[in-house]
């Protein structure tokens, strides 16, 4: 299994909860979780503001965002790997991306509720 890097917003209570779950599921330690809330990751070519606006991951040297980033993270976790593999289908990934875009619209309200 290849190493996956996940960049997340450590100042977001929703993100912290989800990353906490993913850390517990990542029993083999194949995911490198990088909090970019305070500063950008110098190893990442993406601007910090963009990293905070959308979920990003690197899998097999390719940086992806949104639903594709979640799918990359899922593929690295044995329990969630089937979901990640299903998301390789472009129609499934497209539907997941549409859901992710809708989530981003309500994320600020959900963040306030989670505090």
N, C-alpha and C. Protein backbone atom coordinates (compact mmCIF):
# COMPACT_ATOMS: atom_id res chain seq x y z
N UNK A 1 0.84 -1.17 0.00
CA UNK A 1 0.00 0.00 0.00
C UNK A 1 0.89 1.24 0.00
N UNK A 2 0.59 2.19 -0.89
CA UNK A 2 1.39 3.40 -0.99
C UNK A 2 1.05 4.38 0.11
N UNK A 3 2.01 5.22 0.42
CA UNK A 3 1.83 6.28 1.41
C UNK A 3 0.93 7.36 0.83
N UNK A 4 0.05 7.88 1.65
CA UNK A 4 -0.85 8.95 1.25
C UNK A 4 -0.62 10.12 2.20
N UNK A 5 -0.58 11.32 1.64
CA UNK A 5 -0.50 12.53 2.46
C UNK A 5 -1.85 13.23 2.38
N UNK A 6 -2.34 13.66 3.54
CA UNK A 6 -3.61 14.36 3.63
C UNK A 6 -3.35 15.71 4.30
N UNK A 7 -3.77 16.79 3.65
CA UNK A 7 -3.67 18.12 4.24
C UNK A 7 -5.05 18.50 4.74
N UNK A 8 -5.11 18.95 5.99
CA UNK A 8 -6.42 19.27 6.57
C UNK A 8 -6.33 20.55 7.40
N UNK A 9 -7.50 21.12 7.66
CA UNK A 9 -7.63 22.35 8.44
C UNK A 9 -7.79 21.99 9.91
N UNK A 10 -6.71 22.08 10.66
CA UNK A 10 -6.73 21.75 12.07
C UNK A 10 -7.50 22.73 12.93
N UNK A 11 -7.91 23.86 12.36
CA UNK A 11 -8.71 24.84 13.09
C UNK A 11 -10.21 24.58 12.91
N UNK A 12 -10.55 23.62 12.09
CA UNK A 12 -11.95 23.29 11.80
C UNK A 12 -12.38 22.13 12.70
N UNK A 13 -13.38 22.35 13.55
CA UNK A 13 -13.80 21.27 14.45
C UNK A 13 -14.34 20.04 13.71
N UNK A 14 -14.98 20.25 12.57
CA UNK A 14 -15.47 19.11 11.77
C UNK A 14 -14.29 18.30 11.23
N UNK A 15 -13.30 19.03 10.71
CA UNK A 15 -12.12 18.37 10.15
C UNK A 15 -11.37 17.58 11.23
N UNK A 16 -11.22 18.19 12.39
CA UNK A 16 -10.52 17.52 13.48
C UNK A 16 -11.21 16.21 13.87
N UNK A 17 -12.52 16.24 13.92
CA UNK A 17 -13.26 15.01 14.26
C UNK A 17 -13.06 13.94 13.20
N UNK A 18 -13.20 14.34 11.94
CA UNK A 18 -13.03 13.36 10.88
C UNK A 18 -11.61 12.81 10.83
N UNK A 19 -10.63 13.69 10.95
CA UNK A 19 -9.23 13.23 10.91
C UNK A 19 -8.96 12.33 12.11
N UNK A 20 -9.56 12.62 13.25
CA UNK A 20 -9.41 11.76 14.42
C UNK A 20 -9.89 10.35 14.14
N UNK A 21 -11.04 10.25 13.48
CA UNK A 21 -11.57 8.93 13.11
C UNK A 21 -10.63 8.24 12.13
N UNK A 22 -10.17 8.98 11.13
CA UNK A 22 -9.28 8.39 10.12
C UNK A 22 -7.96 7.94 10.74
N UNK A 23 -7.43 8.71 11.68
CA UNK A 23 -6.18 8.32 12.36
C UNK A 23 -6.37 6.98 13.09
N UNK A 24 -7.52 6.83 13.75
CA UNK A 24 -7.78 5.57 14.47
C UNK A 24 -7.94 4.41 13.49
N UNK A 25 -8.51 4.65 12.34
CA UNK A 25 -8.69 3.59 11.35
C UNK A 25 -7.40 3.26 10.60
N UNK A 26 -6.47 4.21 10.55
CA UNK A 26 -5.19 4.03 9.85
C UNK A 26 -4.22 3.24 10.74
N UNK A 27 -4.55 2.01 10.99
CA UNK A 27 -3.76 1.18 11.91
C UNK A 27 -2.35 0.90 11.39
N UNK A 28 -2.14 0.93 10.08
CA UNK A 28 -0.81 0.67 9.53
C UNK A 28 0.02 1.94 9.39
N UNK A 29 -0.57 3.07 9.68
CA UNK A 29 0.17 4.34 9.63
C UNK A 29 0.64 4.73 8.25
N UNK A 30 -0.17 4.47 7.24
CA UNK A 30 0.23 4.78 5.86
C UNK A 30 -0.18 6.19 5.43
N UNK A 31 -0.94 6.89 6.28
CA UNK A 31 -1.37 8.24 5.93
C UNK A 31 -0.58 9.24 6.75
N UNK A 32 -0.02 10.22 6.06
CA UNK A 32 0.67 11.32 6.71
C UNK A 32 -0.33 12.48 6.79
N UNK A 33 -0.85 12.75 7.98
CA UNK A 33 -1.83 13.82 8.18
C UNK A 33 -1.08 15.11 8.49
N UNK A 34 -1.31 16.16 7.68
CA UNK A 34 -0.59 17.42 7.85
C UNK A 34 -1.60 18.54 8.10
N UNK A 35 -1.50 19.15 9.28
CA UNK A 35 -2.36 20.27 9.65
C UNK A 35 -1.79 21.53 9.01
N UNK A 36 -2.57 22.18 8.16
CA UNK A 36 -2.10 23.39 7.48
C UNK A 36 -2.82 24.64 7.98
N UNK A 37 -3.45 24.56 9.15
CA UNK A 37 -4.20 25.71 9.65
C UNK A 37 -3.29 26.87 10.07
N UNK A 38 -2.09 26.57 10.58
CA UNK A 38 -1.17 27.63 11.01
C UNK A 38 -0.23 28.09 9.91
N UNK A 39 0.23 27.16 9.09
CA UNK A 39 1.15 27.52 8.02
C UNK A 39 1.09 26.47 6.92
N UNK A 40 1.53 26.88 5.75
CA UNK A 40 1.53 25.96 4.61
C UNK A 40 2.60 24.90 4.80
N UNK A 41 2.39 23.76 4.18
CA UNK A 41 3.37 22.68 4.19
C UNK A 41 4.39 22.98 3.10
N UNK A 42 5.66 23.18 3.46
CA UNK A 42 6.66 23.51 2.44
C UNK A 42 6.84 22.41 1.39
N UNK A 43 6.42 21.19 1.70
CA UNK A 43 6.55 20.08 0.74
C UNK A 43 5.38 20.06 -0.25
N UNK A 44 4.36 20.90 -0.02
CA UNK A 44 3.18 20.90 -0.88
C UNK A 44 3.21 22.11 -1.81
N UNK A 45 3.01 21.89 -3.10
CA UNK A 45 3.05 23.00 -4.05
C UNK A 45 1.76 23.84 -4.08
N UNK A 46 0.81 23.51 -3.23
CA UNK A 46 -0.47 24.22 -3.25
C UNK A 46 -0.49 25.29 -2.17
N UNK A 47 -1.03 26.43 -2.51
CA UNK A 47 -1.16 27.57 -1.62
C UNK A 47 -1.99 27.21 -0.38
N UNK A 48 -1.61 27.75 0.78
CA UNK A 48 -2.29 27.44 2.04
C UNK A 48 -3.78 27.76 1.98
N UNK A 49 -4.15 28.89 1.39
CA UNK A 49 -5.57 29.27 1.30
C UNK A 49 -6.36 28.21 0.55
N UNK A 50 -5.79 27.69 -0.51
CA UNK A 50 -6.47 26.63 -1.28
C UNK A 50 -6.56 25.34 -0.47
N UNK A 51 -5.49 25.03 0.27
CA UNK A 51 -5.50 23.83 1.11
C UNK A 51 -6.60 23.92 2.18
N UNK A 52 -6.85 25.13 2.68
CA UNK A 52 -7.87 25.31 3.70
C UNK A 52 -9.28 25.36 3.11
N UNK A 53 -9.39 25.72 1.86
CA UNK A 53 -10.71 25.85 1.22
C UNK A 53 -11.29 24.50 0.79
N UNK A 54 -10.41 23.57 0.40
CA UNK A 54 -10.84 22.25 -0.07
C UNK A 54 -9.92 21.21 0.52
N UNK A 55 -10.45 20.02 0.70
CA UNK A 55 -9.67 18.89 1.21
C UNK A 55 -8.73 18.41 0.10
N UNK A 56 -7.45 18.21 0.43
CA UNK A 56 -6.44 17.76 -0.54
C UNK A 56 -5.70 16.54 -0.01
N UNK A 57 -5.27 15.71 -0.94
CA UNK A 57 -4.45 14.55 -0.62
C UNK A 57 -3.49 14.27 -1.77
N UNK A 58 -2.42 13.57 -1.45
CA UNK A 58 -1.48 13.13 -2.48
C UNK A 58 -1.41 11.61 -2.41
N UNK A 59 -1.64 11.00 -3.55
CA UNK A 59 -1.58 9.54 -3.66
C UNK A 59 -0.78 9.20 -4.91
N UNK A 60 0.21 8.38 -4.77
CA UNK A 60 1.06 7.97 -5.90
C UNK A 60 1.64 9.17 -6.64
N UNK A 61 2.02 10.22 -5.88
CA UNK A 61 2.62 11.40 -6.49
C UNK A 61 1.65 12.37 -7.12
N UNK A 62 0.37 12.08 -7.10
CA UNK A 62 -0.64 12.96 -7.69
C UNK A 62 -1.45 13.63 -6.59
N UNK A 63 -1.53 14.96 -6.66
CA UNK A 63 -2.33 15.70 -5.70
C UNK A 63 -3.75 15.84 -6.24
N UNK A 64 -4.70 15.46 -5.40
CA UNK A 64 -6.11 15.54 -5.76
C UNK A 64 -6.85 16.29 -4.67
N UNK A 65 -8.06 16.77 -4.99
CA UNK A 65 -8.82 17.51 -4.00
C UNK A 65 -10.28 17.08 -4.02
N UNK A 66 -11.00 17.55 -3.01
CA UNK A 66 -12.42 17.25 -2.92
C UNK A 66 -12.69 15.78 -2.73
N UNK A 67 -13.69 15.27 -3.42
CA UNK A 67 -14.08 13.87 -3.30
C UNK A 67 -12.95 12.92 -3.67
N UNK A 68 -12.15 13.30 -4.65
CA UNK A 68 -11.02 12.45 -5.05
C UNK A 68 -10.00 12.32 -3.91
N UNK A 69 -9.84 13.37 -3.11
CA UNK A 69 -8.93 13.32 -1.97
C UNK A 69 -9.47 12.39 -0.88
N UNK A 70 -10.78 12.47 -0.64
CA UNK A 70 -11.38 11.54 0.32
C UNK A 70 -11.22 10.11 -0.16
N UNK A 71 -11.45 9.88 -1.44
CA UNK A 71 -11.33 8.52 -1.99
C UNK A 71 -9.90 8.01 -1.85
N UNK A 72 -8.91 8.87 -2.07
CA UNK A 72 -7.51 8.46 -1.90
C UNK A 72 -7.24 8.06 -0.46
N UNK A 73 -7.77 8.83 0.48
CA UNK A 73 -7.59 8.51 1.89
C UNK A 73 -8.29 7.19 2.22
N UNK A 74 -9.49 7.01 1.72
CA UNK A 74 -10.23 5.77 1.98
C UNK A 74 -9.48 4.55 1.46
N UNK A 75 -8.86 4.68 0.27
CA UNK A 75 -8.14 3.54 -0.31
C UNK A 75 -6.96 3.11 0.56
N UNK A 76 -6.44 4.02 1.36
CA UNK A 76 -5.29 3.70 2.22
C UNK A 76 -5.71 3.01 3.52
N UNK A 77 -6.99 3.00 3.82
CA UNK A 77 -7.50 2.42 5.06
C UNK A 77 -8.25 1.13 4.71
N UNK A 78 -7.76 -0.02 5.13
CA UNK A 78 -8.38 -1.29 4.71
C UNK A 78 -9.90 -1.35 4.88
N UNK A 79 -10.42 -0.86 5.98
CA UNK A 79 -11.87 -0.91 6.21
C UNK A 79 -12.64 -0.08 5.17
N UNK A 80 -12.06 1.03 4.72
CA UNK A 80 -12.73 1.93 3.79
C UNK A 80 -12.28 1.74 2.34
N UNK A 81 -11.29 0.88 2.14
CA UNK A 81 -10.74 0.67 0.79
C UNK A 81 -11.81 0.36 -0.27
N UNK A 82 -12.81 -0.48 0.03
CA UNK A 82 -13.83 -0.74 -1.00
C UNK A 82 -14.53 0.54 -1.47
N UNK A 83 -14.82 1.46 -0.55
CA UNK A 83 -15.43 2.74 -0.95
C UNK A 83 -14.49 3.52 -1.86
N UNK A 84 -13.22 3.55 -1.49
CA UNK A 84 -12.24 4.26 -2.30
C UNK A 84 -12.09 3.67 -3.69
N UNK A 85 -12.17 2.35 -3.78
CA UNK A 85 -12.07 1.69 -5.09
C UNK A 85 -13.31 1.96 -5.93
N UNK A 86 -14.47 1.95 -5.31
CA UNK A 86 -15.71 2.26 -6.03
C UNK A 86 -15.65 3.68 -6.58
N UNK A 87 -15.03 4.59 -5.81
CA UNK A 87 -14.94 5.99 -6.22
C UNK A 87 -14.00 6.20 -7.40
N UNK A 88 -13.28 5.18 -7.83
CA UNK A 88 -12.47 5.30 -9.05
C UNK A 88 -13.35 5.38 -10.30
N UNK A 89 -14.59 4.93 -10.16
CA UNK A 89 -15.55 5.05 -11.25
C UNK A 89 -15.89 6.53 -11.40
N UNK A 90 -15.77 7.06 -12.61
CA UNK A 90 -15.94 8.51 -12.81
C UNK A 90 -17.35 8.99 -12.48
N UNK A 91 -18.36 8.15 -12.69
CA UNK A 91 -19.72 8.55 -12.34
C UNK A 91 -19.92 8.62 -10.84
N UNK A 92 -19.37 7.65 -10.14
CA UNK A 92 -19.45 7.64 -8.67
C UNK A 92 -18.68 8.84 -8.12
N UNK A 93 -17.46 9.06 -8.62
CA UNK A 93 -16.66 10.18 -8.15
C UNK A 93 -17.35 11.51 -8.46
N UNK A 94 -17.97 11.60 -9.62
CA UNK A 94 -18.70 12.83 -9.97
C UNK A 94 -19.84 13.10 -9.00
N UNK A 95 -20.57 12.06 -8.63
CA UNK A 95 -21.67 12.21 -7.67
C UNK A 95 -21.13 12.61 -6.30
N UNK A 96 -20.03 11.98 -5.88
CA UNK A 96 -19.42 12.33 -4.60
C UNK A 96 -18.92 13.78 -4.61
N UNK A 97 -18.37 14.22 -5.73
CA UNK A 97 -17.88 15.59 -5.83
C UNK A 97 -19.05 16.59 -5.74
N UNK A 98 -20.16 16.26 -6.34
CA UNK A 98 -21.34 17.14 -6.24
C UNK A 98 -21.79 17.25 -4.79
N UNK A 99 -21.79 16.13 -4.07
CA UNK A 99 -22.15 16.14 -2.66
C UNK A 99 -21.15 16.95 -1.85
N UNK A 100 -19.87 16.82 -2.18
CA UNK A 100 -18.83 17.57 -1.48
C UNK A 100 -19.01 19.08 -1.69
N UNK A 101 -19.32 19.48 -2.90
CA UNK A 101 -19.55 20.91 -3.19
C UNK A 101 -20.73 21.43 -2.38
N UNK A 102 -21.78 20.63 -2.26
CA UNK A 102 -22.93 21.04 -1.44
C UNK A 102 -22.52 21.14 0.04
N UNK A 103 -21.71 20.21 0.49
CA UNK A 103 -21.21 20.25 1.87
C UNK A 103 -20.42 21.54 2.11
N UNK A 104 -19.58 21.93 1.16
CA UNK A 104 -18.77 23.14 1.34
C UNK A 104 -19.64 24.37 1.54
N UNK A 105 -20.81 24.38 0.95
CA UNK A 105 -21.72 25.52 1.11
C UNK A 105 -22.25 25.65 2.53
N UNK A 106 -22.43 24.52 3.21
CA UNK A 106 -22.97 24.56 4.57
C UNK A 106 -21.89 24.36 5.64
N UNK A 107 -20.67 24.15 5.20
CA UNK A 107 -19.57 23.91 6.15
C UNK A 107 -19.45 25.00 7.22
N UNK A 108 -19.50 26.29 6.86
CA UNK A 108 -19.37 27.31 7.91
C UNK A 108 -20.45 27.20 9.01
N UNK A 109 -21.67 26.92 8.62
CA UNK A 109 -22.73 26.75 9.60
C UNK A 109 -22.50 25.53 10.47
N UNK A 110 -22.06 24.44 9.86
CA UNK A 110 -21.77 23.22 10.61
C UNK A 110 -20.59 23.41 11.56
N UNK A 111 -19.62 24.19 11.14
CA UNK A 111 -18.46 24.48 12.00
C UNK A 111 -18.92 25.21 13.26
N UNK A 112 -19.81 26.17 13.09
CA UNK A 112 -20.30 26.92 14.25
C UNK A 112 -21.04 26.00 15.20
N UNK A 113 -21.82 25.07 14.68
CA UNK A 113 -22.55 24.13 15.52
C UNK A 113 -21.62 23.15 16.25
N UNK A 114 -20.51 22.81 15.61
CA UNK A 114 -19.58 21.83 16.17
C UNK A 114 -18.70 22.42 17.27
N UNK A 115 -18.65 23.72 17.38
CA UNK A 115 -17.78 24.36 18.40
C UNK A 115 -18.34 24.25 19.76
